[in-house]
Amino acid sequence: FSVLAANGLTVTPAPQQQQPADEFPLEDSQRLQQALQWA
């Protein structure tokens, strides 16, 4: 994120998906698919 900004790109980070504390964390591939859908 910092390197992209230093190179003059305005980049919006995808939001972190909120989930109940009693659930296992999302796999990276699931996080990626949800963020791509958001984009």
PDB file of all heavy atoms in Angstrom:
ATOM      1  N   PHE A   1       0.837  -1.196   0.000  1.00  0.00           N
ATOM      2  CA  PHE A   1       0.000   0.000   0.000  1.00  0.00           C
ATOM      3  C   PHE A   1       0.881   1.259   0.000  1.00  0.00           C
ATOM      4  O   PHE A   1       0.661   2.192  -0.765  1.00  0.00           O
ATOM      5  CB  PHE A   1      -0.947  -0.013   1.207  1.00  0.00           C
ATOM      6  CG  PHE A   1      -1.909   1.136   1.232  1.00  0.00           C
ATOM      7  CD1 PHE A   1      -3.014   1.149   0.405  1.00  0.00           C
ATOM      8  CD2 PHE A   1      -1.699   2.214   2.076  1.00  0.00           C
ATOM      9  CE1 PHE A   1      -3.915   2.212   0.406  1.00  0.00           C
ATOM     10  CE2 PHE A   1      -2.581   3.282   2.090  1.00  0.00           C
ATOM     11  CZ  PHE A   1      -3.692   3.283   1.255  1.00  0.00           C
ATOM     12  N   SER A   2       1.905   1.264   0.834  1.00  0.00           N
ATOM     13  CA  SER A   2       2.826   2.414   0.912  1.00  0.00           C
ATOM     14  C   SER A   2       3.632   2.577  -0.368  1.00  0.00           C
ATOM     15  O   SER A   2       3.823   3.699  -0.844  1.00  0.00           O
ATOM     16  CB  SER A   2       3.793   2.235   2.088  1.00  0.00           C
ATOM     17  OG  SER A   2       3.099   2.228   3.297  1.00  0.00           O
ATOM     18  N   VAL A   3       4.095   1.474  -0.937  1.00  0.00           N
ATOM     19  CA  VAL A   3       4.892   1.533  -2.170  1.00  0.00           C
ATOM     20  C   VAL A   3       4.043   2.058  -3.331  1.00  0.00           C
ATOM     21  O   VAL A   3       4.509   2.873  -4.140  1.00  0.00           O
ATOM     22  CB  VAL A   3       5.501   0.146  -2.496  1.00  0.00           C
ATOM     23  CG1 VAL A   3       6.109   0.112  -3.890  1.00  0.00           C
ATOM     24  CG2 VAL A   3       6.549  -0.222  -1.453  1.00  0.00           C
ATOM     25  N   LEU A   4       2.795   1.613  -3.425  1.00  0.00           N
ATOM     26  CA  LEU A   4       1.906   2.098  -4.484  1.00  0.00           C
ATOM     27  C   LEU A   4       1.678   3.608  -4.341  1.00  0.00           C
ATOM     28  O   LEU A   4       1.723   4.349  -5.321  1.00  0.00           O
ATOM     29  CB  LEU A   4       0.577   1.349  -4.453  1.00  0.00           C
ATOM     30  CG  LEU A   4       0.636  -0.124  -4.868  1.00  0.00           C
ATOM     31  CD1 LEU A   4      -0.664  -0.835  -4.501  1.00  0.00           C
ATOM     32  CD2 LEU A   4       0.926  -0.263  -6.352  1.00  0.00           C
ATOM     33  N   ALA A   5       1.445   4.062  -3.108  1.00  0.00           N
ATOM     34  CA  ALA A   5       1.239   5.494  -2.863  1.00  0.00           C
ATOM     35  C   ALA A   5       2.497   6.286  -3.216  1.00  0.00           C
ATOM     36  O   ALA A   5       2.418   7.357  -3.818  1.00  0.00           O
ATOM     37  CB  ALA A   5       0.841   5.730  -1.412  1.00  0.00           C
ATOM     38  N   ALA A   6       3.666   5.757  -2.878  1.00  0.00           N
ATOM     39  CA  ALA A   6       4.925   6.436  -3.185  1.00  0.00           C
ATOM     40  C   ALA A   6       5.156   6.541  -4.691  1.00  0.00           C
ATOM     41  O   ALA A   6       5.876   7.417  -5.150  1.00  0.00           O
ATOM     42  CB  ALA A   6       6.094   5.702  -2.531  1.00  0.00           C
ATOM     43  N   ASN A   7       4.512   5.659  -5.456  1.00  0.00           N
ATOM     44  CA  ASN A   7       4.620   5.681  -6.909  1.00  0.00           C
ATOM     45  C   ASN A   7       3.478   6.451  -7.558  1.00  0.00           C
ATOM     46  O   ASN A   7       3.246   6.339  -8.756  1.00  0.00           O
ATOM     47  CB  ASN A   7       4.688   4.249  -7.460  1.00  0.00           C
ATOM     48  CG  ASN A   7       6.081   3.680  -7.336  1.00  0.00           C
ATOM     49  OD1 ASN A   7       6.907   3.858  -8.218  1.00  0.00           O
ATOM     50  ND2 ASN A   7       6.362   3.031  -6.215  1.00  0.00           N
ATOM     51  N   GLY A   8       2.738   7.212  -6.759  1.00  0.00           N
ATOM     52  CA  GLY A   8       1.729   8.109  -7.300  1.00  0.00           C
ATOM     53  C   GLY A   8       0.379   7.491  -7.591  1.00  0.00           C
ATOM     54  O   GLY A   8      -0.462   8.129  -8.222  1.00  0.00           O
ATOM     55  N   LEU A   9       0.130   6.264  -7.123  1.00  0.00           N
ATOM     56  CA  LEU A   9      -1.177   5.642  -7.338  1.00  0.00           C
ATOM     57  C   LEU A   9      -2.066   5.868  -6.120  1.00  0.00           C
ATOM     58  O   LEU A   9      -1.634   5.662  -4.989  1.00  0.00           O
ATOM     59  CB  LEU A   9      -1.036   4.141  -7.584  1.00  0.00           C
ATOM     60  CG  LEU A   9      -0.497   3.734  -8.938  1.00  0.00           C
ATOM     61  CD1 LEU A   9      -0.308   2.229  -8.995  1.00  0.00           C
ATOM     62  CD2 LEU A   9      -1.419   4.182 -10.048  1.00  0.00           C
ATOM     63  N   THR A  10      -3.292   6.285  -6.382  1.00  0.00           N
ATOM     64  CA  THR A  10      -4.280   6.400  -5.317  1.00  0.00           C
ATOM     65  C   THR A  10      -5.023   5.075  -5.266  1.00  0.00           C
ATOM     66  O   THR A  10      -5.738   4.716  -6.199  1.00  0.00           O
ATOM     67  CB  THR A  10      -5.249   7.558  -5.609  1.00  0.00           C
ATOM     68  OG1 THR A  10      -4.483   8.757  -5.739  1.00  0.00           O
ATOM     69  CG2 THR A  10      -6.266   7.709  -4.496  1.00  0.00           C
ATOM     70  N   VAL A  11      -4.822   4.346  -4.194  1.00  0.00           N
ATOM     71  CA  VAL A  11      -5.365   2.991  -4.066  1.00  0.00           C
ATOM     72  C   VAL A  11      -6.255   2.920  -2.837  1.00  0.00           C
ATOM     73  O   VAL A  11      -5.884   3.388  -1.762  1.00  0.00           O
ATOM     74  CB  VAL A  11      -4.214   1.958  -3.947  1.00  0.00           C
ATOM     75  CG1 VAL A  11      -4.752   0.558  -3.831  1.00  0.00           C
ATOM     76  CG2 VAL A  11      -3.265   2.061  -5.132  1.00  0.00           C
ATOM     77  N   THR A  12      -7.423   2.323  -2.995  1.00  0.00           N
ATOM     78  CA  THR A  12      -8.334   2.097  -1.880  1.00  0.00           C
ATOM     79  C   THR A  12      -8.172   0.658  -1.405  1.00  0.00           C
ATOM     80  O   THR A  12      -8.314  -0.268  -2.199  1.00  0.00           O
ATOM     81  CB  THR A  12      -9.799   2.310  -2.334  1.00  0.00           C
ATOM     82  OG1 THR A  12      -9.931   3.621  -2.867  1.00  0.00           O
ATOM     83  CG2 THR A  12     -10.754   2.105  -1.179  1.00  0.00           C
ATOM     84  N   PRO A  13      -7.854   0.456  -0.132  1.00  0.00           N
ATOM     85  CA  PRO A  13      -7.759  -0.926   0.348  1.00  0.00           C
ATOM     86  C   PRO A  13      -9.155  -1.526   0.499  1.00  0.00           C
ATOM     87  O   PRO A  13     -10.093  -0.843   0.903  1.00  0.00           O
ATOM     88  CB  PRO A  13      -7.057  -0.802   1.696  1.00  0.00           C
ATOM     89  CG  PRO A  13      -7.230   0.611   2.113  1.00  0.00           C
ATOM     90  CD  PRO A  13      -7.491   1.426   0.882  1.00  0.00           C
ATOM     91  N   ALA A  14      -9.276  -2.789   0.148  1.00  0.00           N
ATOM     92  CA  ALA A  14     -10.554  -3.488   0.333  1.00  0.00           C
ATOM     93  C   ALA A  14     -10.849  -3.573   1.828  1.00  0.00           C
ATOM     94  O   ALA A  14      -9.933  -3.752   2.632  1.00  0.00           O
ATOM     95  CB  ALA A  14     -10.481  -4.884  -0.272  1.00  0.00           C
ATOM     96  N   PRO A  15     -12.116  -3.436   2.212  1.00  0.00           N
ATOM     97  CA  PRO A  15     -12.442  -3.506   3.644  1.00  0.00           C
ATOM     98  C   PRO A  15     -12.226  -4.915   4.188  1.00  0.00           C
ATOM     99  O   PRO A  15     -12.372  -5.902   3.470  1.00  0.00           O
ATOM    100  CB  PRO A  15     -13.924  -3.119   3.687  1.00  0.00           C
ATOM    101  CG  PRO A  15     -14.449  -3.449   2.333  1.00  0.00           C
ATOM    102  CD  PRO A  15     -13.306  -3.258   1.380  1.00  0.00           C
ATOM    103  N   GLN A  16     -11.858  -4.969   5.445  1.00  0.00           N
ATOM    104  CA  GLN A  16     -11.725  -6.255   6.121  1.00  0.00           C
ATOM    105  C   GLN A  16     -13.124  -6.793   6.400  1.00  0.00           C
ATOM    106  O   GLN A  16     -13.982  -6.048   6.869  1.00  0.00           O
ATOM    107  CB  GLN A  16     -10.960  -6.101   7.443  1.00  0.00           C
ATOM    108  CG  GLN A  16      -9.538  -5.630   7.277  1.00  0.00           C
ATOM    109  CD  GLN A  16      -8.659  -6.682   6.639  1.00  0.00           C
ATOM    110  OE1 GLN A  16      -8.841  -7.882   6.841  1.00  0.00           O
ATOM    111  NE2 GLN A  16      -7.705  -6.243   5.840  1.00  0.00           N
ATOM    112  N   GLN A  17     -13.329  -8.043   6.094  1.00  0.00           N
ATOM    113  CA  GLN A  17     -14.637  -8.653   6.338  1.00  0.00           C
ATOM    114  C   GLN A  17     -14.800  -8.938   7.832  1.00  0.00           C
ATOM    115  O   GLN A  17     -13.948  -9.564   8.445  1.00  0.00           O
ATOM    116  CB  GLN A  17     -14.782  -9.958   5.542  1.00  0.00           C
ATOM    117  CG  GLN A  17     -14.720  -9.768   4.041  1.00  0.00           C
ATOM    118  CD  GLN A  17     -15.865  -8.927   3.524  1.00  0.00           C
ATOM    119  OE1 GLN A  17     -16.976  -9.017   3.999  1.00  0.00           O
ATOM    120  NE2 GLN A  17     -15.575  -8.102   2.522  1.00  0.00           N
ATOM    121  N   GLN A  18     -15.895  -8.453   8.389  1.00  0.00           N
ATOM    122  CA  GLN A  18     -16.183  -8.706   9.799  1.00  0.00           C
ATOM    123  C   GLN A  18     -16.881 -10.064   9.918  1.00  0.00           C
ATOM    124  O   GLN A  18     -17.707 -10.422   9.094  1.00  0.00           O
ATOM    125  CB  GLN A  18     -17.091  -7.607  10.364  1.00  0.00           C
ATOM    126  CG  GLN A  18     -16.481  -6.224  10.299  1.00  0.00           C
ATOM    127  CD  GLN A  18     -15.209  -6.108  11.114  1.00  0.00           C
ATOM    128  OE1 GLN A  18     -15.115  -6.651  12.204  1.00  0.00           O
ATOM    129  NE2 GLN A  18     -14.226  -5.409  10.569  1.00  0.00           N
ATOM    130  N   GLN A  19     -16.523 -10.788  10.956  1.00  0.00           N
ATOM    131  CA  GLN A  19     -17.159 -12.070  11.189  1.00  0.00           C
ATOM    132  C   GLN A  19     -17.256 -12.313  12.686  1.00  0.00           C
ATOM    133  O   GLN A  19     -16.497 -11.736  13.449  1.00  0.00           O
ATOM    134  CB  GLN A  19     -16.397 -13.196  10.496  1.00  0.00           C
ATOM    135  CG  GLN A  19     -14.991 -13.393  11.016  1.00  0.00           C
ATOM    136  CD  GLN A  19     -14.235 -14.422  10.209  1.00  0.00           C
ATOM    137  OE1 GLN A  19     -13.832 -14.166   9.106  1.00  0.00           O
ATOM    138  NE2 GLN A  19     -14.059 -15.596  10.780  1.00  0.00           N
ATOM    139  N   PRO A  20     -18.201 -13.154  13.090  1.00  0.00           N
ATOM    140  CA  PRO A  20     -18.351 -13.423  14.524  1.00  0.00           C
ATOM    141  C   PRO A  20     -17.067 -14.011  15.121  1.00  0.00           C
ATOM    142  O   PRO A  20     -16.342 -14.747  14.464  1.00  0.00           O
ATOM    143  CB  PRO A  20     -19.489 -14.446  14.584  1.00  0.00           C
ATOM    144  CG  PRO A  20     -20.234 -14.259  13.296  1.00  0.00           C
ATOM    145  CD  PRO A  20     -19.209 -13.820  12.292  1.00  0.00           C
ATOM    146  N   ALA A  21     -16.793 -13.670  16.378  1.00  0.00           N
ATOM    147  CA  ALA A  21     -15.568 -14.096  17.043  1.00  0.00           C
ATOM    148  C   ALA A  21     -15.487 -15.609  17.210  1.00  0.00           C
ATOM    149  O   ALA A  21     -14.398 -16.158  17.322  1.00  0.00           O
ATOM    150  CB  ALA A  21     -15.459 -13.414  18.403  1.00  0.00           C
ATOM    151  N   ASP A  22     -16.646 -16.289  17.219  1.00  0.00           N
ATOM    152  CA  ASP A  22     -16.616 -17.739  17.440  1.00  0.00           C
ATOM    153  C   ASP A  22     -16.383 -18.529  16.148  1.00  0.00           C
ATOM    154  O   ASP A  22     -16.341 -19.749  16.182  1.00  0.00           O
ATOM    155  CB  ASP A  22     -17.898 -18.204  18.132  1.00  0.00           C
ATOM    156  CG  ASP A  22     -19.157 -17.911  17.329  1.00  0.00           C
ATOM    157  OD1 ASP A  22     -19.075 -17.092  16.383  1.00  0.00           O
ATOM    158  OD2 ASP A  22     -20.209 -18.486  17.652  1.00  0.00           O
ATOM    159  N   GLU A  23     -16.219 -17.845  15.010  1.00  0.00           N
ATOM    160  CA  GLU A  23     -15.959 -18.536  13.743  1.00  0.00           C
ATOM    161  C   GLU A  23     -14.471 -18.528  13.441  1.00  0.00           C
ATOM    162  O   GLU A  23     -13.722 -17.665  13.887  1.00  0.00           O
ATOM    163  CB  GLU A  23     -16.696 -17.840  12.596  1.00  0.00           C
ATOM    164  CG  GLU A  23     -18.192 -18.028  12.646  1.00  0.00           C
ATOM    165  CD  GLU A  23     -18.881 -17.416  11.439  1.00  0.00           C
ATOM    166  OE1 GLU A  23     -18.202 -17.159  10.427  1.00  0.00           O
ATOM    167  OE2 GLU A  23     -20.088 -17.186  11.520  1.00  0.00           O
ATOM    168  N   PHE A  24     -14.059 -19.544  12.664  1.00  0.00           N
ATOM    169  CA  PHE A  24     -12.674 -19.579  12.217  1.00  0.00           C
ATOM    170  C   PHE A  24     -12.422 -18.413  11.269  1.00  0.00           C
ATOM    171  O   PHE A  24     -13.322 -18.001  10.537  1.00  0.00           O
ATOM    172  CB  PHE A  24     -12.376 -20.891  11.475  1.00  0.00           C
ATOM    173  CG  PHE A  24     -12.249 -22.069  12.388  1.00  0.00           C
ATOM    174  CD1 PHE A  24     -13.226 -23.053  12.407  1.00  0.00           C
ATOM    175  CD2 PHE A  24     -11.146 -22.196  13.222  1.00  0.00           C
ATOM    176  CE1 PHE A  24     -13.113 -24.146  13.253  1.00  0.00           C
ATOM    177  CE2 PHE A  24     -11.029 -23.277  14.077  1.00  0.00           C
ATOM    178  CZ  PHE A  24     -12.007 -24.256  14.094  1.00  0.00           C
ATOM    179  N   PRO A  25     -11.197 -17.873  11.255  1.00  0.00           N
ATOM    180  CA  PRO A  25     -10.904 -16.794  10.311  1.00  0.00           C
ATOM    181  C   PRO A  25     -11.070 -17.281   8.866  1.00  0.00           C
ATOM    182  O   PRO A  25     -10.891 -18.455   8.571  1.00  0.00           O
ATOM    183  CB  PRO A  25      -9.436 -16.465  10.589  1.00  0.00           C
ATOM    184  CG  PRO A  25      -9.096 -17.117  11.871  1.00  0.00           C
ATOM    185  CD  PRO A  25     -10.072 -18.224  12.083  1.00  0.00           C
ATOM    186  N   LEU A  26     -11.416 -16.349   7.998  1.00  0.00           N
ATOM    187  CA  LEU A  26     -11.566 -16.696   6.580  1.00  0.00           C
ATOM    188  C   LEU A  26     -10.226 -17.076   5.979  1.00  0.00           C
ATOM    189  O   LEU A  26      -9.192 -16.506   6.321  1.00  0.00           O
ATOM    190  CB  LEU A  26     -12.138 -15.506   5.803  1.00  0.00           C
ATOM    191  CG  LEU A  26     -13.575 -15.103   6.086  1.00  0.00           C
ATOM    192  CD1 LEU A  26     -13.916 -13.845   5.293  1.00  0.00           C
ATOM    193  CD2 LEU A  26     -14.527 -16.224   5.734  1.00  0.00           C
ATOM    194  N   GLU A  27     -10.257 -18.037   5.087  1.00  0.00           N
ATOM    195  CA  GLU A  27      -9.064 -18.384   4.328  1.00  0.00           C
ATOM    196  C   GLU A  27      -8.704 -17.199   3.431  1.00  0.00           C
ATOM    197  O   GLU A  27      -9.574 -16.424   3.038  1.00  0.00           O
ATOM    198  CB  GLU A  27      -9.331 -19.620   3.461  1.00  0.00           C
ATOM    199  CG  GLU A  27      -9.562 -20.889   4.240  1.00  0.00           C
ATOM    200  CD  GLU A  27      -8.273 -21.425   4.832  1.00  0.00           C
ATOM    201  OE1 GLU A  27      -7.207 -21.316   4.179  1.00  0.00           O
ATOM    202  OE2 GLU A  27      -8.324 -21.950   5.951  1.00  0.00           O
ATOM    203  N   ASP A  28      -7.414 -17.092   3.073  1.00  0.00           N
ATOM    204  CA  ASP A  28      -6.981 -15.993   2.206  1.00  0.00           C
ATOM    205  C   ASP A  28      -7.738 -15.980   0.889  1.00  0.00           C
ATOM    206  O   ASP A  28      -8.102 -14.922   0.390  1.00  0.00           O
ATOM    207  CB  ASP A  28      -5.479 -16.098   1.935  1.00  0.00           C
ATOM    208  CG  ASP A  28      -4.648 -15.700   3.142  1.00  0.00           C
ATOM    209  OD1 ASP A  28      -5.200 -15.103   4.083  1.00  0.00           O
ATOM    210  OD2 ASP A  28      -3.442 -15.983   3.134  1.00  0.00           O
ATOM    211  N   SER A  29      -7.969 -17.153   0.311  1.00  0.00           N
ATOM    212  CA  SER A  29      -8.674 -17.201  -0.978  1.00  0.00           C
ATOM    213  C   SER A  29     -10.110 -16.710  -0.837  1.00  0.00           C
ATOM    214  O   SER A  29     -10.643 -16.063  -1.740  1.00  0.00           O
ATOM    215  CB  SER A  29      -8.629 -18.612  -1.565  1.00  0.00           C
ATOM    216  OG  SER A  29      -9.197 -19.532  -0.667  1.00  0.00           O
ATOM    217  N   GLN A  30     -10.756 -16.978   0.311  1.00  0.00           N
ATOM    218  CA  GLN A  30     -12.108 -16.474   0.553  1.00  0.00           C
ATOM    219  C   GLN A  30     -12.090 -14.957   0.713  1.00  0.00           C
ATOM    220  O   GLN A  30     -12.957 -14.259   0.185  1.00  0.00           O
ATOM    221  CB  GLN A  30     -12.707 -17.117   1.812  1.00  0.00           C
ATOM    222  CG  GLN A  30     -13.022 -18.591   1.676  1.00  0.00           C
ATOM    223  CD  GLN A  30     -13.449 -19.171   3.009  1.00  0.00           C
ATOM    224  OE1 GLN A  30     -12.750 -19.058   4.007  1.00  0.00           O
ATOM    225  NE2 GLN A  30     -14.634 -19.777   3.015  1.00  0.00           N
ATOM    226  N   ARG A  31     -11.101 -14.451   1.452  1.00  0.00           N
ATOM    227  CA  ARG A  31     -10.962 -12.999   1.612  1.00  0.00           C
ATOM    228  C   ARG A  31     -10.773 -12.339   0.253  1.00  0.00           C
ATOM    229  O   ARG A  31     -11.362 -11.299  -0.028  1.00  0.00           O
ATOM    230  CB  ARG A  31      -9.744 -12.671   2.494  1.00  0.00           C
ATOM    231  CG  ARG A  31      -9.909 -12.961   3.950  1.00  0.00           C
ATOM    232  CD  ARG A  31      -8.650 -12.644   4.786  1.00  0.00           C
ATOM    233  NE  ARG A  31      -8.041 -11.372   4.451  1.00  0.00           N
ATOM    234  CZ  ARG A  31      -6.726 -11.210   4.231  1.00  0.00           C
ATOM    235  NH1 ARG A  31      -5.899 -12.231   4.310  1.00  0.00           N
ATOM    236  NH2 ARG A  31      -6.239 -10.020   3.948  1.00  0.00           N
ATOM    237  N   LEU A  32      -9.953 -12.956  -0.597  1.00  0.00           N
ATOM    238  CA  LEU A  32      -9.676 -12.410  -1.923  1.00  0.00           C
ATOM    239  C   LEU A  32     -10.945 -12.378  -2.769  1.00  0.00           C
ATOM    240  O   LEU A  32     -11.255 -11.362  -3.402  1.00  0.00           O
ATOM    241  CB  LEU A  32      -8.586 -13.222  -2.621  1.00  0.00           C
ATOM    242  CG  LEU A  32      -8.274 -12.832  -4.058  1.00  0.00           C
ATOM    243  CD1 LEU A  32      -7.818 -11.391  -4.148  1.00  0.00           C
ATOM    244  CD2 LEU A  32      -7.232 -13.770  -4.638  1.00  0.00           C
ATOM    245  N   GLN A  33     -11.721 -13.460  -2.772  1.00  0.00           N
ATOM    246  CA  GLN A  33     -12.941 -13.513  -3.584  1.00  0.00           C
ATOM    247  C   GLN A  33     -13.975 -12.493  -3.105  1.00  0.00           C
ATOM    248  O   GLN A  33     -14.628 -11.839  -3.920  1.00  0.00           O
ATOM    249  CB  GLN A  33     -13.538 -14.931  -3.580  1.00  0.00           C
ATOM    250  CG  GLN A  33     -12.727 -15.935  -4.377  1.00  0.00           C
ATOM    251  CD  GLN A  33     -12.440 -15.455  -5.791  1.00  0.00           C
ATOM    252  OE1 GLN A  33     -13.313 -14.992  -6.507  1.00  0.00           O
ATOM    253  NE2 GLN A  33     -11.170 -15.542  -6.189  1.00  0.00           N
ATOM    254  N   GLN A  34     -14.117 -12.341  -1.806  1.00  0.00           N
ATOM    255  CA  GLN A  34     -15.058 -11.349  -1.279  1.00  0.00           C
ATOM    256  C   GLN A  34     -14.626  -9.938  -1.650  1.00  0.00           C
ATOM    257  O   GLN A  34     -15.448  -9.093  -2.021  1.00  0.00           O
ATOM    258  CB  GLN A  34     -15.191 -11.490   0.236  1.00  0.00           C
ATOM    259  CG  GLN A  34     -15.971 -12.708   0.666  1.00  0.00           C
ATOM    260  CD  GLN A  34     -16.111 -12.800   2.181  1.00  0.00           C
ATOM    261  OE1 GLN A  34     -15.601 -11.967   2.923  1.00  0.00           O
ATOM    262  NE2 GLN A  34     -16.800 -13.835   2.629  1.00  0.00           N
ATOM    263  N   ALA A  35     -13.320  -9.662  -1.565  1.00  0.00           N
ATOM    264  CA  ALA A  35     -12.813  -8.334  -1.896  1.00  0.00           C
ATOM    265  C   ALA A  35     -12.951  -8.058  -3.391  1.00  0.00           C
ATOM    266  O   ALA A  35     -13.272  -6.932  -3.791  1.00  0.00           O
ATOM    267  CB  ALA A  35     -11.354  -8.205  -1.458  1.00  0.00           C
ATOM    268  N   LEU A  36     -12.733  -9.066  -4.222  1.00  0.00           N
ATOM    269  CA  LEU A  36     -12.894  -8.890  -5.668  1.00  0.00           C
ATOM    270  C   LEU A  36     -14.357  -8.596  -6.002  1.00  0.00           C
ATOM    271  O   LEU A  36     -14.651  -7.734  -6.836  1.00  0.00           O
ATOM    272  CB  LEU A  36     -12.398 -10.131  -6.424  1.00  0.00           C
ATOM    273  CG  LEU A  36     -12.416 -10.045  -7.936  1.00  0.00           C
ATOM    274  CD1 LEU A  36     -11.597  -8.865  -8.444  1.00  0.00           C
ATOM    275  CD2 LEU A  36     -11.889 -11.349  -8.543  1.00  0.00           C
ATOM    276  N   GLN A  37     -15.269  -9.270  -5.346  1.00  0.00           N
ATOM    277  CA  GLN A  37     -16.700  -9.006  -5.536  1.00  0.00           C
ATOM    278  C   GLN A  37     -17.032  -7.569  -5.134  1.00  0.00           C
ATOM    279  O   GLN A  37     -17.777  -6.874  -5.819  1.00  0.00           O
ATOM    280  CB  GLN A  37     -17.539 -10.006  -4.720  1.00  0.00           C
ATOM    281  CG  GLN A  37     -19.040  -9.824  -4.843  1.00  0.00           C
ATOM    282  CD  GLN A  37     -19.530 -10.045  -6.264  1.00  0.00           C
ATOM    283  OE1 GLN A  37     -18.977 -10.836  -7.020  1.00  0.00           O
ATOM    284  NE2 GLN A  37     -20.570  -9.321  -6.645  1.00  0.00           N
ATOM    285  N   TRP A  38     -16.456  -7.104  -4.034  1.00  0.00           N
ATOM    286  CA  TRP A  38     -16.644  -5.726  -3.567  1.00  0.00           C
ATOM    287  C   TRP A  38     -16.142  -4.739  -4.621  1.00  0.00           C
ATOM    288  O   TRP A  38     -16.818  -3.762  -4.946  1.00  0.00           O
ATOM    289  CB  TRP A  38     -15.919  -5.558  -2.232  1.00  0.00           C
ATOM    290  CG  TRP A  38     -15.880  -4.167  -1.701  1.00  0.00           C
ATOM    291  CD1 TRP A  38     -16.872  -3.512  -1.021  1.00  0.00           C
ATOM    292  CD2 TRP A  38     -14.789  -3.252  -1.778  1.00  0.00           C
ATOM    293  NE1 TRP A  38     -16.454  -2.247  -0.675  1.00  0.00           N
ATOM    294  CE2 TRP A  38     -15.171  -2.065  -1.135  1.00  0.00           C
ATOM    295  CE3 TRP A  38     -13.513  -3.329  -2.341  1.00  0.00           C
ATOM    296  CZ2 TRP A  38     -14.338  -0.960  -1.027  1.00  0.00           C
ATOM    297  CZ3 TRP A  38     -12.676  -2.236  -2.236  1.00  0.00           C
ATOM    298  CH2 TRP A  38     -13.097  -1.063  -1.594  1.00  0.00           C
ATOM    299  N   ALA A  39     -14.953  -5.003  -5.192  1.00  0.00           N
ATOM    300  CA  ALA A  39     -14.376  -4.122  -6.226  1.00  0.00           C
ATOM    301  C   ALA A  39     -15.237  -4.130  -7.479  1.00  0.00           C
ATOM    302  O   ALA A  39     -15.421  -3.092  -8.130  1.00  0.00           O
ATOM    303  CB  ALA A  39     -12.951  -4.562  -6.550  1.00  0.00           C
TER     304      ALA A  39
END
